[in-house]
């Protein structure tokens, strides 16, 4: 998947440079953007692996599908998404509840429903986005807090 995307971006970078009269700066910027995309995907994948290892019952929606590189949609069995959003906000992290198509509605996503995800699991969905400037240290702190908060909400010591 990444190899194909890389080839497409490289070709586009060459086309951009040619369209701008051989302007290498334009092609270089496209290549830099590709590096940023790959880094966001790497961080997202690492975060997902660590959350799966640390949170029993965590579900990553559409994990095997082609997705944008900086966003994960996860659900945690037994915990409402809004509750997780509020607790992570108090810990200094901003995430959103539900899928983007249901944001602000207070109900489950019609897209998740179409995927066969309903009920409490659909309402547990939270969207986690990684920025182009997110660093591993920040992500590790987020992962630790996420795991701690889920454990506390489930009645563990967390």
C-alpha atoms as a PDB file:
ATOM      1  CA  UNK A   1       0.000   0.000   0.000  1.00  0.00           C
ATOM      2  CA  UNK A   2       2.729   2.488   0.990  1.00  0.00           C
ATOM      3  CA  UNK A   3       4.956   1.489  -1.928  1.00  0.00           C
ATOM      4  CA  UNK A   4       2.180   2.196  -4.405  1.00  0.00           C
ATOM      5  CA  UNK A   5       1.398   5.518  -2.728  1.00  0.00           C
ATOM      6  CA  UNK A   6       5.096   6.410  -2.722  1.00  0.00           C
ATOM      7  CA  UNK A   7       5.386   5.700  -6.442  1.00  0.00           C
ATOM      8  CA  UNK A   8       2.348   7.834  -7.159  1.00  0.00           C
ATOM      9  CA  UNK A   9       3.703  10.744  -5.102  1.00  0.00           C
ATOM     10  CA  UNK A  10       7.141  10.485  -6.710  1.00  0.00           C
ATOM     11  CA  UNK A  11       5.529  10.629 -10.149  1.00  0.00           C
ATOM     12  CA  UNK A  12       3.393  13.591  -9.064  1.00  0.00           C
ATOM     13  CA  UNK A  13       6.463  15.362  -7.677  1.00  0.00           C
ATOM     14  CA  UNK A  14       8.196  14.995 -11.026  1.00  0.00           C
ATOM     15  CA  UNK A  15       5.079  16.271 -12.821  1.00  0.00           C
ATOM     16  CA  UNK A  16       4.857  19.279 -10.476  1.00  0.00           C
ATOM     17  CA  UNK A  17       8.518  20.114 -11.082  1.00  0.00           C
ATOM     18  CA  UNK A  18       8.036  19.840 -14.872  1.00  0.00           C
ATOM     19  CA  UNK A  19       4.880  21.958 -14.801  1.00  0.00           C
ATOM     20  CA  UNK A  20       6.800  24.674 -12.944  1.00  0.00           C
ATOM     21  CA  UNK A  21       9.604  24.804 -15.485  1.00  0.00           C
ATOM     22  CA  UNK A  22      11.813  22.308 -13.710  1.00  0.00           C
ATOM     23  CA  UNK A  23      11.297  23.947 -10.317  1.00  0.00           C
ATOM     24  CA  UNK A  24      12.892  21.423  -8.006  1.00  0.00           C
ATOM     25  CA  UNK A  25      11.512  23.176  -4.928  1.00  0.00           C
ATOM     26  CA  UNK A  26       7.964  22.185  -5.867  1.00  0.00           C
ATOM     27  CA  UNK A  27       8.960  18.556  -6.328  1.00  0.00           C
ATOM     28  CA  UNK A  28      10.941  18.637  -3.090  1.00  0.00           C
ATOM     29  CA  UNK A  29       7.897  19.922  -1.169  1.00  0.00           C
ATOM     30  CA  UNK A  30       5.751  17.102  -2.518  1.00  0.00           C
ATOM     31  CA  UNK A  31       8.400  14.573  -1.431  1.00  0.00           C
ATOM     32  CA  UNK A  32       8.580  16.196   2.035  1.00  0.00           C
ATOM     33  CA  UNK A  33       4.795  15.929   2.324  1.00  0.00           C
ATOM     34  CA  UNK A  34       5.053  12.253   1.459  1.00  0.00           C
ATOM     35  CA  UNK A  35       7.587  11.771   4.257  1.00  0.00           C
ATOM     36  CA  UNK A  36       5.202  13.484   6.690  1.00  0.00           C
ATOM     37  CA  UNK A  37       2.352  11.228   5.555  1.00  0.00           C
ATOM     38  CA  UNK A  38       4.472   8.114   6.052  1.00  0.00           C
ATOM     39  CA  UNK A  39       5.521   9.288   9.527  1.00  0.00           C
ATOM     40  CA  UNK A  40       1.905   9.941  10.566  1.00  0.00           C
ATOM     41  CA  UNK A  41       0.921   6.466   9.359  1.00  0.00           C
ATOM     42  CA  UNK A  42       3.846   4.936  11.267  1.00  0.00           C
ATOM     43  CA  UNK A  43       2.820   6.727  14.470  1.00  0.00           C
ATOM     44  CA  UNK A  44      -0.842   5.790  13.982  1.00  0.00           C
ATOM     45  CA  UNK A  45       0.051   2.139  13.487  1.00  0.00           C
ATOM     46  CA  UNK A  46       2.298   2.108  16.547  1.00  0.00           C
ATOM     47  CA  UNK A  47      -0.379   3.788  18.654  1.00  0.00           C
ATOM     48  CA  UNK A  48      -2.950   1.228  17.536  1.00  0.00           C
ATOM     49  CA  UNK A  49      -0.631  -1.671  18.387  1.00  0.00           C
ATOM     50  CA  UNK A  50       0.065  -0.304  21.860  1.00  0.00           C
ATOM     51  CA  UNK A  51      -3.602   0.439  22.550  1.00  0.00           C
ATOM     52  CA  UNK A  52      -4.581  -3.058  21.432  1.00  0.00           C
ATOM     53  CA  UNK A  53      -1.954  -4.527  23.750  1.00  0.00           C
ATOM     54  CA  UNK A  54      -2.967  -2.352  26.701  1.00  0.00           C
ATOM     55  CA  UNK A  55      -6.767  -2.173  26.466  1.00  0.00           C
ATOM     56  CA  UNK A  56      -8.737  -5.420  26.519  1.00  0.00           C
ATOM     57  CA  UNK A  57     -11.793  -5.200  24.297  1.00  0.00           C
ATOM     58  CA  UNK A  58     -10.447  -2.342  22.169  1.00  0.00           C
ATOM     59  CA  UNK A  59     -11.697  -2.414  18.583  1.00  0.00           C
ATOM     60  CA  UNK A  60     -10.055  -0.558  15.710  1.00  0.00           C
ATOM     61  CA  UNK A  61     -12.686   0.069  13.067  1.00  0.00           C
ATOM     62  CA  UNK A  62     -11.617  -0.574   9.443  1.00  0.00           C
ATOM     63  CA  UNK A  63      -8.107  -1.488  10.522  1.00  0.00           C
ATOM     64  CA  UNK A  64      -7.473  -3.595   7.429  1.00  0.00           C
ATOM     65  CA  UNK A  65      -8.900  -1.039   5.001  1.00  0.00           C
ATOM     66  CA  UNK A  66      -7.020   1.723   3.230  1.00  0.00           C
ATOM     67  CA  UNK A  67      -7.379   4.737   5.511  1.00  0.00           C
ATOM     68  CA  UNK A  68      -6.091   8.244   5.858  1.00  0.00           C
ATOM     69  CA  UNK A  69      -2.706   8.079   7.589  1.00  0.00           C
ATOM     70  CA  UNK A  70      -3.347  10.214  10.634  1.00  0.00           C
ATOM     71  CA  UNK A  71      -6.652   9.005  12.064  1.00  0.00           C
ATOM     72  CA  UNK A  72      -7.889   6.000  14.026  1.00  0.00           C
ATOM     73  CA  UNK A  73     -11.473   5.241  14.938  1.00  0.00           C
ATOM     74  CA  UNK A  74     -11.561   2.978  17.969  1.00  0.00           C
ATOM     75  CA  UNK A  75     -14.187   1.635  20.311  1.00  0.00           C
ATOM     76  CA  UNK A  76     -13.762   0.390  23.860  1.00  0.00           C
ATOM     77  CA  UNK A  77     -16.214  -2.191  25.110  1.00  0.00           C
ATOM     78  CA  UNK A  78     -18.146  -0.933  28.121  1.00  0.00           C
ATOM     79  CA  UNK A  79     -17.130   2.737  27.879  1.00  0.00           C
ATOM     80  CA  UNK A  80     -19.210   5.440  26.224  1.00  0.00           C
ATOM     81  CA  UNK A  81     -17.201   7.541  23.774  1.00  0.00           C
ATOM     82  CA  UNK A  82     -18.260  10.847  25.342  1.00  0.00           C
ATOM     83  CA  UNK A  83     -17.009   9.670  28.735  1.00  0.00           C
ATOM     84  CA  UNK A  84     -13.622   8.837  27.265  1.00  0.00           C
ATOM     85  CA  UNK A  85     -13.492  12.179  25.424  1.00  0.00           C
ATOM     86  CA  UNK A  86     -14.181  14.112  28.644  1.00  0.00           C
ATOM     87  CA  UNK A  87     -11.621  12.173  30.675  1.00  0.00           C
ATOM     88  CA  UNK A  88      -8.906  12.553  28.057  1.00  0.00           C
ATOM     89  CA  UNK A  89      -9.745  16.254  27.764  1.00  0.00           C
ATOM     90  CA  UNK A  90      -9.128  16.632  31.496  1.00  0.00           C
ATOM     91  CA  UNK A  91      -5.764  14.914  30.944  1.00  0.00           C
ATOM     92  CA  UNK A  92      -4.884  17.444  28.226  1.00  0.00           C
ATOM     93  CA  UNK A  93      -5.799  15.511  25.069  1.00  0.00           C
ATOM     94  CA  UNK A  94      -8.388  16.435  22.460  1.00  0.00           C
ATOM     95  CA  UNK A  95     -10.148  13.584  20.676  1.00  0.00           C
ATOM     96  CA  UNK A  96     -13.660  13.336  19.249  1.00  0.00           C
ATOM     97  CA  UNK A  97     -16.469  10.919  19.883  1.00  0.00           C
ATOM     98  CA  UNK A  98     -17.964   8.889  17.063  1.00  0.00           C
ATOM     99  CA  UNK A  99     -17.170   8.806  13.405  1.00  0.00           C
ATOM    100  CA  UNK A 100     -16.791  12.132  11.615  1.00  0.00           C
ATOM    101  CA  UNK A 101     -20.142  11.599   9.887  1.00  0.00           C
ATOM    102  CA  UNK A 102     -21.898  11.514  13.278  1.00  0.00           C
ATOM    103  CA  UNK A 103     -19.893  14.196  15.066  1.00  0.00           C
ATOM    104  CA  UNK A 104     -22.037  16.340  17.334  1.00  0.00           C
ATOM    105  CA  UNK A 105     -25.204  14.286  16.860  1.00  0.00           C
ATOM    106  CA  UNK A 106     -25.067  12.292  20.096  1.00  0.00           C
ATOM    107  CA  UNK A 107     -26.107   9.139  18.291  1.00  0.00           C
ATOM    108  CA  UNK A 108     -24.330   6.307  16.569  1.00  0.00           C
ATOM    109  CA  UNK A 109     -22.796   6.752  13.149  1.00  0.00           C
ATOM    110  CA  UNK A 110     -24.850   5.611  10.170  1.00  0.00           C
ATOM    111  CA  UNK A 111     -21.573   4.517   8.561  1.00  0.00           C
ATOM    112  CA  UNK A 112     -20.713   2.284  11.530  1.00  0.00           C
ATOM    113  CA  UNK A 113     -24.263   0.936  11.430  1.00  0.00           C
ATOM    114  CA  UNK A 114     -23.824   0.110   7.727  1.00  0.00           C
ATOM    115  CA  UNK A 115     -20.649  -1.762   8.703  1.00  0.00           C
ATOM    116  CA  UNK A 116     -22.689  -3.808  11.159  1.00  0.00           C
ATOM    117  CA  UNK A 117     -21.481  -1.944  14.250  1.00  0.00           C
ATOM    118  CA  UNK A 118     -24.431  -1.046  16.447  1.00  0.00           C
ATOM    119  CA  UNK A 119     -25.450  -0.443  20.015  1.00  0.00           C
ATOM    120  CA  UNK A 120     -22.944   0.214  22.768  1.00  0.00           C
ATOM    121  CA  UNK A 121     -19.918  -0.507  20.589  1.00  0.00           C
ATOM    122  CA  UNK A 122     -20.981   2.151  18.066  1.00  0.00           C
ATOM    123  CA  UNK A 123     -21.520   4.652  20.894  1.00  0.00           C
ATOM    124  CA  UNK A 124     -18.081   3.843  22.304  1.00  0.00           C
ATOM    125  CA  UNK A 125     -16.342   5.029  19.127  1.00  0.00           C
ATOM    126  CA  UNK A 126     -13.735   7.773  19.464  1.00  0.00           C
ATOM    127  CA  UNK A 127     -11.688   9.377  16.724  1.00  0.00           C
ATOM    128  CA  UNK A 128      -7.993   9.952  17.396  1.00  0.00           C
ATOM    129  CA  UNK A 129      -6.034  12.166  15.017  1.00  0.00           C
ATOM    130  CA  UNK A 130      -2.284  12.612  14.784  1.00  0.00           C
ATOM    131  CA  UNK A 131      -0.935  15.932  13.542  1.00  0.00           C
ATOM    132  CA  UNK A 132       1.947  16.447  11.149  1.00  0.00           C
ATOM    133  CA  UNK A 133       4.019  17.693  14.081  1.00  0.00           C
ATOM    134  CA  UNK A 134       3.076  14.977  16.609  1.00  0.00           C
ATOM    135  CA  UNK A 135       6.149  13.412  18.187  1.00  0.00           C
ATOM    136  CA  UNK A 136       6.549   9.934  19.659  1.00  0.00           C
ATOM    137  CA  UNK A 137       6.994  11.290  23.200  1.00  0.00           C
ATOM    138  CA  UNK A 138       3.602  13.026  23.004  1.00  0.00           C
ATOM    139  CA  UNK A 139       2.000   9.928  21.566  1.00  0.00           C
ATOM    140  CA  UNK A 140       3.476   7.723  24.306  1.00  0.00           C
ATOM    141  CA  UNK A 141       1.993  10.044  26.932  1.00  0.00           C
ATOM    142  CA  UNK A 142      -1.382   9.844  25.199  1.00  0.00           C
ATOM    143  CA  UNK A 143      -1.240   6.042  25.045  1.00  0.00           C
ATOM    144  CA  UNK A 144      -0.379   5.820  28.751  1.00  0.00           C
ATOM    145  CA  UNK A 145      -3.250   8.135  29.672  1.00  0.00           C
ATOM    146  CA  UNK A 146      -5.711   6.317  27.432  1.00  0.00           C
ATOM    147  CA  UNK A 147      -4.848   2.950  29.005  1.00  0.00           C
ATOM    148  CA  UNK A 148      -4.914   4.429  32.528  1.00  0.00           C
ATOM    149  CA  UNK A 149      -8.279   6.145  32.010  1.00  0.00           C
ATOM    150  CA  UNK A 150      -9.921   3.059  30.514  1.00  0.00           C
ATOM    151  CA  UNK A 151      -8.709   0.953  33.456  1.00  0.00           C
ATOM    152  CA  UNK A 152     -10.007   3.546  35.945  1.00  0.00           C
ATOM    153  CA  UNK A 153     -13.390   3.817  34.204  1.00  0.00           C
ATOM    154  CA  UNK A 154     -13.718   0.043  34.272  1.00  0.00           C
ATOM    155  CA  UNK A 155     -13.129   0.062  38.004  1.00  0.00           C
ATOM    156  CA  UNK A 156      -9.509  -1.075  37.924  1.00  0.00           C
ATOM    157  CA  UNK A 157      -6.715   0.757  39.653  1.00  0.00           C
ATOM    158  CA  UNK A 158      -5.514   2.350  36.409  1.00  0.00           C
END
